[in-house]
Protein backbone atom coordinates (compact mmCIF):
# COMPACT_ATOMS: atom_id res chain seq x y z
CA MET A 1 -29.91 -45.51 -22.97
CA PHE A 2 -33.24 -45.49 -24.79
CA GLN A 3 -36.73 -46.99 -25.08
CA ARG A 4 -38.44 -48.00 -28.31
CA THR A 5 -42.10 -48.49 -29.22
CA VAL A 6 -43.57 -49.40 -32.61
CA LEU A 7 -47.14 -48.15 -33.07
CA GLY A 8 -49.91 -49.95 -34.93
CA ASN A 9 -49.24 -47.89 -38.06
CA HIS A 10 -45.55 -48.97 -37.97
CA LEU A 11 -44.34 -45.57 -36.77
CA ARG A 12 -41.29 -46.01 -34.56
CA VAL A 13 -40.93 -43.87 -31.44
CA LEU A 14 -37.66 -43.75 -29.49
CA THR A 15 -36.85 -41.76 -26.38
CA SER A 16 -33.73 -41.25 -24.29
CA ALA A 17 -34.31 -40.04 -20.74
CA MET A 18 -31.76 -37.39 -19.70
CA PRO A 19 -33.18 -36.34 -16.31
CA HIS A 20 -30.62 -33.61 -15.58
CA SER A 21 -31.07 -31.87 -18.93
CA THR A 22 -33.00 -28.59 -19.08
CA SER A 23 -33.65 -29.01 -22.82
CA VAL A 24 -35.64 -31.46 -24.94
CA SER A 25 -34.83 -32.23 -28.56
CA VAL A 26 -37.14 -33.86 -31.08
CA THR A 27 -36.22 -35.26 -34.47
CA ILE A 28 -38.56 -36.62 -37.12
CA SER A 29 -36.53 -38.65 -39.61
CA VAL A 30 -38.16 -39.56 -42.92
CA GLY A 31 -36.74 -41.92 -45.54
CA ALA A 32 -36.76 -39.31 -48.29
CA GLY A 33 -33.61 -38.16 -50.06
CA SER A 34 -32.01 -37.59 -53.43
CA ARG A 35 -31.50 -41.33 -53.96
CA HIS A 36 -35.29 -41.74 -54.11
CA GLU A 37 -35.72 -39.22 -56.95
CA PRO A 38 -35.70 -39.59 -60.76
CA ASP A 39 -33.12 -37.43 -62.56
CA GLU A 40 -35.73 -35.10 -64.01
CA LEU A 41 -37.03 -34.27 -60.51
CA ALA A 42 -33.64 -33.97 -58.81
CA GLY A 43 -34.02 -31.82 -55.70
CA LEU A 44 -37.61 -32.89 -54.98
CA SER A 45 -36.83 -34.13 -51.43
CA HIS A 46 -35.03 -30.88 -50.59
CA PHE A 47 -37.83 -28.78 -52.10
CA LEU A 48 -40.42 -30.63 -50.03
CA GLU A 49 -38.35 -30.14 -46.87
CA HIS A 50 -38.65 -26.36 -47.30
CA LEU A 51 -42.41 -26.17 -47.86
CA PRO A 52 -43.87 -27.16 -44.45
CA PHE A 53 -42.11 -24.17 -42.87
CA LYS A 54 -44.30 -21.90 -45.02
CA GLY A 55 -47.37 -22.86 -43.00
CA THR A 56 -49.39 -25.72 -41.51
CA GLU A 57 -53.01 -26.22 -40.50
CA SER A 58 -52.41 -25.07 -36.92
CA TRP A 59 -49.65 -22.53 -37.71
CA PRO A 60 -50.79 -21.11 -41.07
CA THR A 61 -47.87 -18.84 -41.98
CA ALA A 62 -44.08 -18.98 -41.88
CA ARG A 63 -44.17 -16.37 -39.15
CA HIS A 64 -46.56 -18.44 -37.03
CA VAL A 65 -44.31 -21.50 -37.41
CA SER A 66 -41.07 -19.73 -36.52
CA GLU A 67 -42.53 -17.72 -33.63
CA ALA A 68 -44.01 -20.87 -32.06
CA ILE A 69 -40.44 -22.11 -31.50
CA GLU A 70 -38.21 -19.02 -31.51
CA GLY A 71 -40.75 -17.14 -29.41
CA VAL A 72 -39.95 -19.45 -26.49
CA GLY A 73 -36.18 -19.40 -27.11
CA GLY A 74 -36.04 -22.65 -29.05
CA ILE A 75 -34.35 -23.52 -32.32
CA MET A 76 -35.78 -25.46 -35.25
CA ASN A 77 -34.57 -26.51 -38.67
CA ALA A 78 -34.51 -29.34 -41.19
CA SER A 79 -32.01 -30.96 -43.53
CA THR A 80 -32.08 -33.28 -46.51
CA ASP A 81 -29.38 -35.73 -47.53
CA ARG A 82 -29.25 -38.56 -50.02
CA GLU A 83 -31.25 -40.99 -47.88
CA VAL A 84 -32.97 -39.04 -45.09
CA THR A 85 -34.88 -35.83 -44.44
CA VAL A 86 -34.79 -34.70 -40.79
CA PHE A 87 -37.00 -32.10 -39.09
CA TRP A 88 -35.76 -31.14 -35.64
CA CYS A 89 -36.24 -28.72 -32.79
CA LYS A 90 -34.65 -28.07 -29.41
CA VAL A 91 -36.47 -26.20 -26.65
CA ALA A 92 -36.48 -25.73 -22.91
CA ARG A 93 -38.28 -28.58 -21.14
CA LEU A 94 -41.13 -26.20 -20.20
CA HIS A 95 -42.11 -25.76 -23.86
CA PHE A 96 -41.69 -29.34 -25.04
CA GLN A 97 -45.34 -30.10 -25.78
CA GLN A 98 -45.86 -27.05 -27.99
CA ALA A 99 -42.62 -27.66 -29.88
CA PHE A 100 -43.58 -31.30 -30.35
CA SER A 101 -46.96 -30.26 -31.80
CA VAL A 102 -45.34 -27.80 -34.21
CA LEU A 103 -42.86 -30.35 -35.52
CA LEU A 104 -45.53 -33.01 -36.02
CA ASP A 105 -47.75 -30.51 -37.82
CA LEU A 106 -44.93 -29.77 -40.27
CA VAL A 107 -44.88 -33.42 -41.32
CA LEU A 108 -48.57 -34.29 -41.01
CA HIS A 109 -50.43 -31.14 -42.02
CA PRO A 110 -48.41 -28.76 -44.23
CA LEU A 111 -50.57 -26.39 -46.28
CA LEU A 112 -48.45 -26.73 -49.45
CA ASP A 113 -49.86 -23.46 -50.76
CA PRO A 114 -49.18 -22.98 -54.53
CA GLN A 115 -48.22 -19.31 -54.18
CA GLU A 116 -45.85 -20.02 -51.31
CA MET A 117 -44.34 -22.86 -53.34
CA GLU A 118 -43.47 -20.47 -56.18
CA LYS A 119 -41.82 -18.07 -53.73
CA GLU A 120 -39.81 -20.91 -52.22
CA ARG A 121 -38.79 -22.18 -55.64
CA GLU A 122 -36.91 -18.91 -56.15
CA VAL A 123 -35.39 -19.15 -52.67
CA ILE A 124 -34.11 -22.67 -53.37
CA GLN A 125 -32.65 -21.62 -56.70
CA GLU A 126 -30.84 -18.81 -54.90
CA GLU A 127 -29.53 -21.39 -52.44
CA LEU A 128 -28.14 -23.41 -55.36
CA ARG A 129 -26.49 -20.29 -56.82
CA MET A 130 -24.99 -19.52 -53.43
CA THR A 131 -23.48 -23.01 -53.24
CA TYR A 132 -21.89 -22.48 -56.64
CA ASP A 133 -20.43 -19.15 -55.46
CA TYR A 134 -18.57 -20.76 -52.54
CA PRO A 135 -15.56 -22.68 -53.94
CA SER A 136 -15.25 -24.79 -50.78
CA HIS A 137 -18.85 -25.96 -51.25
CA ARG A 138 -18.51 -26.40 -54.98
CA VAL A 139 -15.46 -28.65 -54.67
CA ASP A 140 -17.46 -30.96 -52.36
CA LEU A 141 -20.00 -31.43 -55.14
CA LEU A 142 -17.31 -32.06 -57.73
CA ILE A 143 -15.61 -34.82 -55.75
CA ASP A 144 -18.98 -36.59 -55.34
CA GLU A 145 -19.54 -36.37 -59.10
CA LEU A 146 -16.14 -37.96 -59.66
CA LEU A 147 -16.67 -40.73 -57.09
CA TRP A 148 -20.19 -41.58 -58.30
CA PRO A 149 -20.57 -40.39 -61.89
CA GLU A 150 -23.90 -40.44 -63.75
CA GLN A 151 -26.05 -41.48 -60.77
CA ALA A 152 -28.04 -40.11 -57.84
CA MET A 153 -25.19 -40.50 -55.32
CA GLY A 154 -23.07 -38.08 -57.34
CA ARG A 155 -25.75 -35.41 -57.72
CA ASP A 156 -26.24 -32.26 -55.69
CA VAL A 157 -28.96 -33.08 -53.14
CA GLY A 158 -30.58 -29.76 -54.03
CA GLY A 159 -30.81 -30.65 -57.72
CA THR A 160 -30.13 -28.15 -60.48
CA LEU A 161 -31.74 -24.86 -61.45
CA GLU A 162 -33.47 -26.65 -64.31
CA SER A 163 -34.73 -29.66 -62.33
CA VAL A 164 -36.05 -27.46 -59.50
CA ASP A 165 -37.86 -25.40 -62.15
CA ASN A 166 -39.59 -28.58 -63.38
CA ILE A 167 -41.01 -29.67 -60.00
CA THR A 168 -44.78 -29.18 -59.76
CA LEU A 169 -47.09 -29.08 -56.76
CA GLU A 170 -48.54 -32.39 -57.92
CA ASP A 171 -45.03 -33.91 -57.86
CA VAL A 172 -44.55 -32.67 -54.29
CA ARG A 173 -47.90 -33.99 -53.06
CA ASP A 174 -47.47 -37.38 -54.73
CA TYR A 175 -43.94 -37.77 -53.34
CA MET A 176 -45.04 -36.73 -49.86
CA VAL A 177 -47.84 -39.29 -49.80
CA LYS A 178 -45.40 -42.06 -50.74
CA GLN A 179 -42.39 -41.14 -48.60
CA TYR A 180 -43.90 -39.28 -45.64
CA ASN A 181 -45.73 -42.26 -44.23
CA PRO A 182 -45.42 -43.78 -40.73
CA ALA A 183 -43.73 -46.97 -41.91
CA ASN A 184 -40.95 -44.80 -43.35
CA THR A 185 -40.59 -42.45 -40.37
CA VAL A 186 -38.89 -42.43 -36.96
CA ILE A 187 -39.61 -39.97 -34.13
CA ALA A 188 -36.85 -39.60 -31.55
CA VAL A 189 -36.97 -37.50 -28.37
CA ALA A 190 -34.12 -36.86 -25.93
CA GLY A 191 -34.24 -34.97 -22.64
CA ASN A 192 -36.14 -34.97 -19.37
CA VAL A 193 -39.15 -36.83 -20.80
CA ASP A 194 -41.27 -39.85 -19.99
CA HIS A 195 -41.39 -42.49 -22.71
CA ASP A 196 -45.01 -43.51 -22.14
CA GLN A 197 -46.13 -39.89 -22.20
CA VAL A 198 -44.34 -39.29 -25.52
CA VAL A 199 -45.87 -42.45 -27.02
CA ASP A 200 -49.35 -41.32 -25.93
CA MET A 201 -48.82 -37.91 -27.53
CA VAL A 202 -47.64 -39.47 -30.79
CA ASN A 203 -50.48 -42.00 -30.78
CA GLN A 204 -53.04 -39.26 -30.40
CA ALA A 205 -51.56 -37.05 -33.12
CA THR A 206 -50.97 -39.82 -35.70
CA ARG A 207 -54.02 -42.05 -35.28
CA ASP A 208 -55.21 -41.30 -38.87
CA TRP A 209 -51.75 -41.61 -40.45
CA GLU A 210 -51.72 -44.77 -42.56
CA PRO A 211 -48.67 -46.76 -43.67
CA ARG A 212 -47.99 -47.45 -47.33
CA ALA A 213 -45.25 -48.68 -49.65
CA SER A 214 -42.38 -46.21 -50.20
CA LEU A 215 -40.24 -45.61 -53.27
CA ASP A 216 -37.03 -47.62 -53.61
CA TRP A 217 -33.66 -45.90 -53.40
CA GLN A 218 -31.18 -46.00 -56.28
CA PRO A 219 -28.22 -48.34 -55.60
CA VAL A 220 -24.70 -47.27 -56.49
CA VAL A 221 -23.24 -48.33 -59.83
CA ASP A 222 -19.50 -49.08 -59.55
CA TYR A 223 -17.72 -47.59 -62.55
CA TYR A 224 -14.22 -48.33 -61.32
CA GLY A 225 -13.98 -51.61 -63.19
CA ASP A 226 -14.02 -49.71 -66.48
CA ARG A 227 -11.40 -46.96 -66.56
CA GLY A 228 -13.04 -45.57 -69.70
CA ILE A 229 -16.04 -44.31 -67.71
CA GLY A 230 -15.76 -41.35 -65.39
CA ALA A 231 -13.04 -38.74 -65.04
CA VAL A 232 -10.15 -39.14 -62.60
CA ALA A 233 -9.60 -35.42 -62.01
CA LYS A 234 -11.56 -32.24 -62.63
CA VAL A 235 -10.39 -28.65 -62.33
CA GLU A 236 -13.04 -25.93 -62.38
CA GLN A 237 -11.37 -22.61 -63.07
CA ARG A 238 -12.57 -19.43 -61.40
CA GLN A 239 -11.11 -16.29 -59.93
CA ALA A 240 -10.26 -16.95 -56.27
CA ASP A 241 -7.45 -16.35 -53.80
CA GLN A 242 -7.19 -20.05 -52.98
CA ALA A 243 -7.25 -23.36 -54.76
CA HIS A 244 -9.83 -25.56 -53.02
CA ILE A 245 -8.78 -29.20 -53.29
CA CYS A 246 -10.55 -32.46 -52.55
CA LEU A 247 -9.03 -35.92 -52.93
CA GLY A 248 -11.52 -38.74 -52.56
CA LEU A 249 -11.66 -42.52 -52.37
CA PRO A 250 -14.65 -44.87 -52.23
CA GLY A 251 -15.35 -45.78 -48.62
CA ILE A 252 -17.58 -48.33 -46.89
CA SER A 253 -21.25 -48.62 -45.98
CA LEU A 254 -23.09 -47.99 -42.73
CA THR A 255 -23.22 -51.70 -41.95
CA ASP A 256 -19.66 -52.63 -42.86
CA PRO A 257 -17.79 -54.29 -39.94
CA ASP A 258 -14.70 -52.22 -40.80
CA ARG A 259 -16.40 -48.87 -40.07
CA TYR A 260 -14.90 -48.65 -36.57
CA ALA A 261 -11.40 -49.39 -37.88
CA LEU A 262 -11.96 -46.76 -40.58
CA ALA A 263 -12.96 -44.21 -37.91
CA ILE A 264 -9.60 -44.79 -36.20
CA PHE A 265 -7.84 -44.67 -39.57
CA ASN A 266 -9.48 -41.29 -40.25
CA GLY A 267 -8.56 -40.02 -36.79
CA ILE A 268 -4.91 -40.75 -37.50
CA LEU A 269 -5.00 -39.39 -41.04
CA GLY A 270 -6.85 -36.10 -40.84
CA ASP A 271 -9.46 -35.64 -38.12
CA GLY A 272 -8.23 -33.00 -35.70
CA MET A 273 -5.25 -30.74 -35.11
CA SER A 274 -2.92 -33.58 -34.09
CA SER A 275 -3.64 -35.68 -37.19
CA ARG A 276 -0.95 -36.46 -39.75
CA LEU A 277 -2.40 -34.22 -42.44
CA PHE A 278 -2.70 -31.21 -40.14
CA LEU A 279 0.75 -31.62 -38.65
CA ASN A 280 2.39 -32.08 -42.05
CA LEU A 281 0.57 -29.67 -44.36
CA ARG A 282 -0.03 -26.89 -41.84
CA GLU A 283 2.44 -27.11 -39.00
CA GLU A 284 5.51 -28.44 -40.85
CA GLN A 285 5.11 -27.19 -44.43
CA GLY A 286 2.78 -24.20 -43.92
CA LEU A 287 0.87 -25.12 -47.07
CA ALA A 288 -2.68 -24.76 -45.75
CA TYR A 289 -4.68 -23.06 -43.03
CA ASP A 290 -7.47 -25.63 -43.28
CA VAL A 291 -6.81 -29.31 -44.00
CA SER A 292 -8.78 -32.34 -42.84
CA SER A 293 -10.20 -35.70 -43.82
CA SER A 294 -13.76 -36.89 -43.34
CA LEU A 295 -15.90 -40.00 -43.74
CA ASN A 296 -19.33 -40.51 -45.26
CA HIS A 297 -21.34 -43.69 -44.83
CA PHE A 298 -24.50 -44.66 -46.73
CA ARG A 299 -26.62 -47.80 -47.15
CA ASP A 300 -24.40 -49.43 -49.77
CA CYS A 301 -21.35 -47.20 -50.13
CA GLY A 302 -19.27 -44.45 -48.57
CA SER A 303 -16.32 -42.15 -49.12
CA LEU A 304 -13.10 -40.91 -47.59
CA VAL A 305 -12.43 -37.29 -48.58
CA VAL A 306 -9.45 -35.03 -47.86
CA TYR A 307 -10.00 -31.26 -48.20
CA CYS A 308 -7.51 -28.39 -48.13
CA GLY A 309 -7.39 -24.79 -49.29
CA VAL A 310 -4.01 -23.52 -50.51
CA GLU A 311 -2.36 -20.73 -52.47
CA PRO A 312 -3.04 -21.63 -56.14
CA ARG A 313 0.61 -21.99 -57.17
CA LYS A 314 1.12 -24.46 -54.30
CA ALA A 315 -1.68 -26.78 -55.42
CA PRO A 316 0.65 -29.42 -56.94
CA GLU A 317 2.76 -29.41 -53.78
CA ALA A 318 -0.34 -29.81 -51.61
CA VAL A 319 -1.68 -32.69 -53.73
CA GLN A 320 1.70 -34.44 -53.48
CA ALA A 321 1.73 -33.96 -49.70
CA VAL A 322 -1.77 -35.45 -49.30
CA VAL A 323 -0.93 -38.41 -51.53
CA HIS A 324 2.24 -38.94 -49.48
CA GLU A 325 0.22 -39.08 -46.25
CA LEU A 326 -2.31 -41.47 -47.81
CA ALA A 327 0.51 -43.76 -48.90
CA GLY A 328 2.02 -43.59 -45.41
CA MET A 329 -1.19 -45.03 -43.97
CA ARG A 330 -0.27 -48.38 -45.50
CA ALA A 331 2.54 -48.82 -42.98
CA PRO A 332 1.85 -50.26 -39.49
CA VAL A 333 0.51 -47.64 -37.08
CA PRO A 334 2.62 -47.08 -33.94
CA ALA A 335 0.89 -48.07 -30.69
CA ALA A 336 0.98 -44.55 -29.25
CA GLU A 337 -0.67 -43.07 -32.34
CA LEU A 338 -3.30 -45.81 -32.36
CA ASN A 339 -4.16 -45.21 -28.69
CA LYS A 340 -4.38 -41.46 -29.22
CA ALA A 341 -6.78 -41.92 -32.16
CA ARG A 342 -8.91 -44.32 -30.12
CA GLU A 343 -9.24 -41.88 -27.23
CA TYR A 344 -9.86 -38.97 -29.58
CA THR A 345 -12.66 -40.84 -31.38
CA LYS A 346 -14.30 -41.99 -28.14
CA GLY A 347 -13.94 -38.58 -26.51
CA ARG A 348 -15.60 -36.72 -29.38
CA LEU A 349 -18.48 -39.19 -29.34
CA LEU A 350 -19.00 -38.98 -25.59
CA LEU A 351 -18.91 -35.18 -25.61
CA ARG A 352 -21.59 -35.08 -28.32
CA MET A 353 -23.82 -37.32 -26.26
CA GLU A 354 -24.18 -34.63 -23.56
CA ASP A 355 -26.37 -32.69 -26.01
CA THR A 356 -30.04 -33.68 -26.34
CA ARG A 357 -30.07 -32.83 -30.04
CA SER A 358 -27.10 -35.14 -30.74
CA VAL A 359 -28.75 -37.97 -28.82
CA ALA A 360 -32.06 -37.59 -30.66
CA ALA A 361 -30.22 -37.51 -34.01
CA TRP A 362 -28.23 -40.62 -33.01
CA LEU A 363 -31.42 -42.54 -32.24
CA GLY A 364 -33.38 -41.41 -35.28
CA ALA A 365 -30.71 -41.97 -37.92
CA GLN A 366 -29.69 -45.45 -36.76
CA GLU A 367 -33.25 -46.66 -36.33
CA LEU A 368 -34.32 -45.42 -39.76
CA LEU A 369 -31.27 -46.56 -41.75
CA LEU A 370 -30.18 -49.66 -39.82
CA GLY A 371 -33.34 -50.83 -38.06
CA ARG A 372 -31.48 -50.96 -34.74
CA VAL A 373 -29.64 -48.58 -32.42
CA SER A 374 -26.19 -49.23 -31.01
CA THR A 375 -25.74 -47.91 -27.50
CA ILE A 376 -22.85 -45.64 -26.65
CA ASP A 377 -21.30 -48.41 -24.56
CA GLU A 378 -21.46 -50.85 -27.48
CA THR A 379 -19.88 -48.31 -29.79
CA VAL A 380 -17.09 -47.55 -27.33
CA GLN A 381 -16.37 -51.28 -27.01
CA MET A 382 -16.10 -51.62 -30.78
CA ILE A 383 -13.71 -48.66 -30.95
CA ASP A 384 -11.57 -50.10 -28.15
CA ALA A 385 -11.40 -53.43 -30.00
CA VAL A 386 -9.74 -51.89 -33.08
CA SER A 387 -6.15 -53.11 -33.43
CA ALA A 388 -3.21 -51.88 -35.49
CA GLU A 389 -3.82 -54.85 -37.79
CA ASP A 390 -7.43 -53.70 -38.32
CA VAL A 391 -6.27 -50.21 -39.30
CA ALA A 392 -3.70 -51.66 -41.71
CA ARG A 393 -6.33 -53.95 -43.24
CA VAL A 394 -8.84 -51.16 -43.85
CA GLY A 395 -6.03 -49.04 -45.28
CA SER A 396 -5.07 -51.77 -47.74
CA ARG A 397 -8.72 -52.16 -48.63
CA LEU A 398 -9.37 -48.49 -49.41
CA LEU A 399 -6.04 -47.12 -50.61
CA ASP A 400 -6.31 -48.10 -54.26
CA PRO A 401 -4.56 -45.49 -56.46
CA ASP A 402 -6.77 -46.48 -59.42
CA LYS A 403 -9.81 -45.26 -57.46
CA LEU A 404 -8.32 -41.99 -56.18
CA ARG A 405 -10.14 -38.92 -57.52
CA LEU A 406 -9.17 -35.23 -57.46
CA ALA A 407 -11.37 -32.11 -57.65
CA VAL A 408 -10.02 -28.54 -57.67
CA VAL A 409 -11.87 -25.21 -57.75
CA GLY A 410 -9.71 -22.13 -58.21
CA PRO A 411 -7.58 -20.18 -60.69
CA ASN A 412 -5.64 -23.28 -61.71
CA ASP A 413 -5.09 -25.09 -64.96
CA GLY A 414 -2.91 -28.11 -65.65
CA GLU A 415 -5.51 -30.80 -64.99
CA LYS A 416 -3.29 -33.47 -66.54
CA GLU A 417 -0.32 -32.38 -64.42
CA LEU A 418 -2.35 -32.67 -61.22
CA GLN A 419 -3.82 -35.99 -62.30
CA GLY A 420 -0.29 -37.29 -62.80
CA LEU A 421 0.40 -36.74 -59.09
CA LEU A 422 -2.24 -39.28 -57.99
CA LYS A 423 0.20 -42.12 -57.55
CA PHE A 424 1.12 -43.85 -54.29
């Protein structure tokens, strides 16, 4: 599926040859995220992610950068999470070398102009305000705060208006030197490419890039042993036509052996239109238009989160319905439902792997966070090996009512009433 080369400066280069593809995707994954930041500089990783797009040595303005990719029909963007910052682009095979040069220049030679930084500071603060204005986004932040209170995992990756205001150009440059180094970076390319050619291109462009020690990430502190620390439920009142609800439980890490069983568990519970949550809350009860469950996996922790948007007066009914479905996951899973979830999970994975961008992201994320890449065949085998007993075991492991958390954004009150519904 892929080839891997580690350069002399510890930069890892992975490629996946997809000879019949007319596109090529490139990702540059850097170990820089909100878990690497002190509280007073929250949002530093996200701020830095924005700045290279304002200009580089070879493409000195934002317009030059964007036109170099969009001008040939390509797409380019970046994202920051708690553990990784990813720069990526996808272009037609004909324009691969130029796109590759642009993406590398973003990481290696950004101008970091002080005036452009001040402009972007305002843009980022507007982005934070926009997130607050969308209740469905805001409730996602609240459930993280409840699951991981008073620590980096529970913070908004973008920081706060105040912390973003405190970030200086010196902070950005110092952080970039530490985190944006070859030993902390993975380059992944997928498409109709030759591995040796890609390695030669990277070697040439990064010959002066020196490895160094990176900042440590902040481990999770488990507050669940002390019920006096951290709220169980939080309702943020605002005028809205819906109550946006999230119920969350602590999940498992990226390396946990139960992650494949949990994927099947999630497929049964709330991933897709034939899941239990969708069939019950939408099709049978008509409580919600949108209802689903999702998984998050990180180095040392994870989460299982259920989201739904409902008419405000039906919020208690919706919470009860979700709790009922969670409790039902403790019972043995029928064979037909297990097989359906297996095929659904495998099918979604295999469909994603037709896209060069998905393949490049798959390679880059696993190599950076795990130090190894599982092939699609290996992953499919692990999914096929999940039994009904495995699903029941992971359900028993996660479904602890003492750890269930509830976040609501909407015109609701009665926080104590809603909290009282969190019982299996």
